[in-house]
Amino acid sequence: MTDDILQYERLVHYMVNKYHFKGEYEDLYQAGMLGLKEAFLHYDPKRESDFVDYAALYIKGEILKAVNSEHQIKKSRELLKLQQEIKSTKEELIQTFGRDVTSQEIAFVLNEKVETIEEAENLMNPVYSLDQELMQEENSNLYQTIAMREKAYDAGILDLRTALSTLEQQEQQIITSRYYEDRTQQETAEVLGISQVQVSRQEKKILKKLKTNLTS
C-alpha cells in the first residue's frame, strides 16, 4: 500500500504549493500525506469516480486543518493585547453607564477604528465552522460532506445541500467563498465588493439560519 500511496506524492506537493505561504512546507506536506492515506482507506471505486479528484479533496482538507491550527497558534500578540483592552474597557464602560456598550464607544475610548474593534471582537468568539455548527458529528466536516461526496447518497448531505440551496445568492456566495474556496473574511469581502464587517455579520446570520433549518 505504501508504494501505491507514494505514486501520488506529486499530487501532495502540488496541493502544498498552493498553501505553503500559510504555513511551514514540511508540516503541510505531512498533513497532505495523511490526507492521501485517508483517501486510500476510504476510496470505493464502485461509488466514486476519479481517485485523483477524490484524493485531492482529502489532501486539501488535511492541509487546511493544519493551516487553521497554525493560524490559531500564531495569533498575534498585538491582537491579544487589543482584545484584553477591549474586554477591560467594555467592563469599565458598562459599570459607568449601567448598560451594554457599542463598538463605536469602545473604539472612541481606545482611539481605534470601529472596524478594528469589531474584527477583534469577532475573533474573541469561537471560530465558526460548518462542521462545528451544523453537522455535530464526530469526524465530520465540510470537505468530507459536500465536496468529497458529490454523489449525495447520504441523507444528511442531502439535508445540508437542500438547506444551502434555500439561501439567497449573496449568502451562497459567502458560504462558498469562506468554506469551500477557503477565503478569509477580508478576501471574501473584496470578491463580493462589501466590507469585512458585513461579511462577518452575514456569515453569523447565515450559519444560524442553516442550523435552524437543519434542526427544525
Protein backbone atom coordinates (compact mmCIF):
# COMPACT_ATOMS: atom_id res chain seq x y z
CA MET A 1 0.00 0.00 0.00
CA THR A 2 2.94 2.33 0.69
CA ASP A 3 4.08 2.14 -2.93
CA ASP A 4 0.54 2.90 -4.09
CA ILE A 5 0.43 5.99 -1.88
CA LEU A 6 3.85 7.26 -2.96
CA GLN A 7 2.91 7.22 -6.62
CA TYR A 8 0.54 10.10 -5.82
CA GLU A 9 3.11 12.05 -3.77
CA ARG A 10 3.43 14.62 -6.54
CA LEU A 11 -0.23 15.46 -6.02
CA VAL A 12 0.53 16.25 -2.38
CA HIS A 13 3.40 18.55 -3.35
CA TYR A 14 1.13 20.26 -5.87
CA MET A 15 -1.53 20.90 -3.23
CA VAL A 16 1.00 22.06 -0.64
CA ASN A 17 2.45 24.58 -3.10
CA LYS A 18 -0.96 26.22 -3.25
CA TYR A 19 -0.96 26.85 0.50
CA HIS A 20 2.71 26.85 1.56
CA PHE A 21 2.66 30.61 2.20
CA LYS A 22 0.21 29.94 5.04
CA GLY A 23 2.43 27.57 6.98
CA GLU A 24 5.65 25.56 7.13
CA TYR A 25 6.06 23.46 3.99
CA GLU A 26 7.12 20.29 5.79
CA ASP A 27 4.17 20.50 8.21
CA LEU A 28 1.73 20.96 5.35
CA TYR A 29 3.38 18.14 3.41
CA GLN A 30 2.92 15.74 6.34
CA ALA A 31 -0.71 16.81 6.63
CA GLY A 32 -1.19 16.28 2.90
CA MET A 33 0.31 12.79 3.06
CA LEU A 34 -2.07 11.99 5.91
CA GLY A 35 -4.94 13.12 3.70
CA LEU A 36 -3.67 10.95 0.86
CA LYS A 37 -3.53 7.94 3.18
CA GLU A 38 -7.07 8.63 4.37
CA ALA A 39 -8.23 8.85 0.77
CA PHE A 40 -6.81 5.38 0.06
CA LEU A 41 -8.57 4.00 3.12
CA HIS A 42 -11.97 5.42 2.19
CA TYR A 43 -11.92 5.28 -1.62
CA ASP A 44 -14.55 3.00 -3.14
CA PRO A 45 -14.27 2.77 -6.96
CA LYS A 46 -17.83 1.49 -7.11
CA ARG A 47 -19.20 4.69 -5.59
CA GLU A 48 -16.60 7.28 -6.52
CA SER A 49 -15.19 8.24 -9.90
CA ASP A 50 -11.65 9.53 -10.40
CA PHE A 51 -9.30 8.79 -7.49
CA VAL A 52 -7.14 11.87 -8.09
CA ASP A 53 -10.09 14.22 -7.67
CA TYR A 54 -11.24 12.25 -4.64
CA ALA A 55 -7.78 12.24 -3.04
CA ALA A 56 -7.21 15.95 -3.77
CA LEU A 57 -10.13 16.85 -1.54
CA TYR A 58 -8.87 14.72 1.35
CA ILE A 59 -5.40 16.23 0.92
CA LYS A 60 -6.79 19.75 0.80
CA GLY A 61 -8.89 19.09 3.88
CA GLU A 62 -5.92 17.94 5.96
CA ILE A 63 -3.75 20.81 4.72
CA LEU A 64 -6.40 23.36 5.65
CA LYS A 65 -6.77 21.80 9.08
CA ALA A 66 -3.02 22.23 9.56
CA VAL A 67 -3.16 25.81 8.29
CA ASN A 68 -6.02 26.68 10.63
CA SER A 69 -4.21 25.11 13.56
CA GLU A 70 -1.04 27.04 12.75
CA HIS A 71 -3.05 30.25 12.40
CA GLN A 72 -4.51 29.84 15.86
CA ILE A 73 -1.08 29.19 17.36
CA LYS A 74 0.40 32.28 15.74
CA LYS A 75 -2.34 34.62 16.80
CA SER A 76 -0.54 37.93 17.15
CA ARG A 77 0.44 39.45 20.46
CA GLU A 78 -0.94 42.77 19.25
CA LEU A 79 -4.37 41.24 18.73
CA LEU A 80 -4.34 39.54 22.10
CA LYS A 81 -3.36 42.84 23.72
CA LEU A 82 -6.15 44.69 21.90
CA GLN A 83 -8.70 42.06 22.87
CA GLN A 84 -7.71 42.42 26.52
CA GLU A 85 -8.03 46.20 26.24
CA ILE A 86 -11.45 45.82 24.66
CA LYS A 87 -12.58 43.49 27.42
CA SER A 88 -11.40 45.76 30.25
CA THR A 89 -12.72 48.90 28.55
CA LYS A 90 -16.09 47.30 27.97
CA GLU A 91 -16.34 46.26 31.61
CA GLU A 92 -15.43 49.77 32.78
CA LEU A 93 -17.95 51.43 30.45
CA ILE A 94 -20.72 49.05 31.48
CA GLN A 95 -20.07 49.89 35.12
CA THR A 96 -20.04 53.61 34.32
CA PHE A 97 -23.19 53.71 32.16
CA GLY A 98 -25.08 50.79 33.69
CA ARG A 99 -25.82 49.31 30.26
CA ASP A 100 -24.20 47.41 27.45
CA VAL A 101 -21.94 49.49 25.23
CA THR A 102 -21.36 49.65 21.49
CA SER A 103 -18.27 49.01 19.44
CA GLN A 104 -18.29 52.71 18.50
CA GLU A 105 -18.00 53.71 22.17
CA ILE A 106 -15.16 51.26 22.78
CA ALA A 107 -13.39 52.47 19.63
CA PHE A 108 -13.68 56.09 20.83
CA VAL A 109 -12.11 55.30 24.20
CA LEU A 110 -9.28 53.24 22.70
CA ASN A 111 -8.78 55.62 19.76
CA GLU A 112 -9.19 52.78 17.28
CA LYS A 113 -11.28 52.35 14.15
CA VAL A 114 -14.69 50.79 14.70
CA GLU A 115 -13.87 48.14 12.09
CA THR A 116 -10.73 47.18 14.03
CA ILE A 117 -12.70 46.80 17.26
CA GLU A 118 -15.45 44.74 15.61
CA GLU A 119 -12.95 42.44 13.90
CA ALA A 120 -11.07 41.91 17.18
CA GLU A 121 -14.36 41.20 18.97
CA ASN A 122 -15.33 38.68 16.31
CA LEU A 123 -12.02 36.87 16.77
CA MET A 124 -12.64 36.70 20.51
CA ASN A 125 -15.58 34.37 19.82
CA PRO A 126 -15.13 30.67 18.95
CA VAL A 127 -14.30 30.22 15.27
CA TYR A 128 -17.40 29.37 13.30
CA SER A 129 -17.25 26.36 11.03
CA LEU A 130 -19.92 24.38 9.28
CA ASP A 131 -18.66 21.16 10.79
CA GLN A 132 -19.00 22.59 14.33
CA GLU A 133 -22.24 24.48 13.88
CA LEU A 134 -24.15 22.26 11.50
CA MET A 135 -23.01 18.70 11.31
CA GLN A 136 -22.39 17.93 15.01
CA GLU A 137 -20.95 14.55 14.02
CA GLU A 138 -17.65 13.05 15.06
CA ASN A 139 -15.13 13.04 12.21
CA SER A 140 -17.50 15.03 10.01
CA ASN A 141 -16.66 18.27 8.23
CA LEU A 142 -17.47 20.30 5.16
CA TYR A 143 -14.92 18.87 2.74
CA GLN A 144 -15.99 15.34 3.68
CA THR A 145 -19.71 16.01 3.46
CA ILE A 146 -20.11 18.18 0.37
CA ALA A 147 -17.03 18.43 -1.83
CA MET A 148 -15.83 14.90 -1.27
CA ARG A 149 -19.17 13.14 -1.64
CA GLU A 150 -20.88 14.80 -4.55
CA LYS A 151 -22.84 11.59 -5.14
CA ALA A 152 -25.25 12.73 -2.43
CA TYR A 153 -26.21 9.25 -1.29
CA ASP A 154 -26.17 10.31 2.36
CA ALA A 155 -29.40 11.71 3.84
CA GLY A 156 -27.51 14.22 5.99
CA ILE A 157 -25.68 15.53 2.94
CA LEU A 158 -28.96 15.93 1.09
CA ASP A 159 -30.36 17.92 4.01
CA LEU A 160 -27.36 20.23 4.09
CA ARG A 161 -27.36 20.74 0.33
CA THR A 162 -31.08 21.48 0.44
CA ALA A 163 -30.56 24.00 3.23
CA LEU A 164 -27.76 25.67 1.26
CA SER A 165 -29.98 25.90 -1.81
CA THR A 166 -32.53 27.97 0.12
CA LEU A 167 -30.03 30.74 0.77
CA GLU A 168 -30.06 33.95 -1.22
CA GLN A 169 -27.43 34.38 -3.92
CA GLN A 170 -25.06 36.52 -1.87
CA GLU A 171 -25.45 34.22 1.13
CA GLN A 172 -24.47 31.24 -1.01
CA GLN A 173 -21.50 33.20 -2.35
CA ILE A 174 -20.31 33.96 1.17
CA ILE A 175 -20.55 30.33 2.31
CA THR A 176 -18.90 29.07 -0.88
CA SER A 177 -16.09 31.59 -0.59
CA ARG A 178 -15.48 31.04 3.13
CA TYR A 179 -15.91 27.26 3.50
CA TYR A 180 -15.40 25.75 0.05
CA GLU A 181 -12.85 28.09 -1.53
CA ASP A 182 -11.09 28.74 1.81
CA ARG A 183 -11.01 32.53 1.56
CA THR A 184 -10.68 34.75 4.59
CA GLN A 185 -13.43 37.20 5.51
CA GLN A 186 -11.34 40.04 4.06
CA GLU A 187 -10.73 38.16 0.80
CA THR A 188 -14.42 37.31 0.58
CA ALA A 189 -15.31 40.96 1.15
CA GLU A 190 -13.02 42.05 -1.69
CA VAL A 191 -14.51 39.48 -4.07
CA LEU A 192 -18.10 40.49 -3.25
CA GLY A 193 -17.41 44.21 -3.05
CA ILE A 194 -18.57 44.62 0.55
CA SER A 195 -16.79 45.25 3.85
CA GLN A 196 -15.19 42.61 6.06
CA VAL A 197 -17.55 43.59 8.85
CA GLN A 198 -20.55 42.94 6.58
CA VAL A 199 -19.17 39.52 5.69
CA SER A 200 -18.66 38.70 9.37
CA ARG A 201 -22.18 39.76 10.33
CA GLN A 202 -23.85 37.99 7.41
CA GLU A 203 -21.81 34.83 7.99
CA LYS A 204 -23.09 34.56 11.56
CA LYS A 205 -26.68 35.07 10.41
CA ILE A 206 -26.31 32.52 7.62
CA LEU A 207 -24.88 29.85 9.94
CA LYS A 208 -27.69 30.46 12.40
CA LYS A 209 -30.24 30.18 9.59
CA LEU A 210 -28.73 26.92 8.31
CA LYS A 211 -28.58 25.45 11.79
CA THR A 212 -32.24 26.33 12.36
CA ASN A 213 -33.27 24.77 9.03
CA LEU A 214 -31.35 21.57 9.72
CA THR A 215 -32.70 21.10 13.22
CA SER A 216 -36.33 22.05 12.50
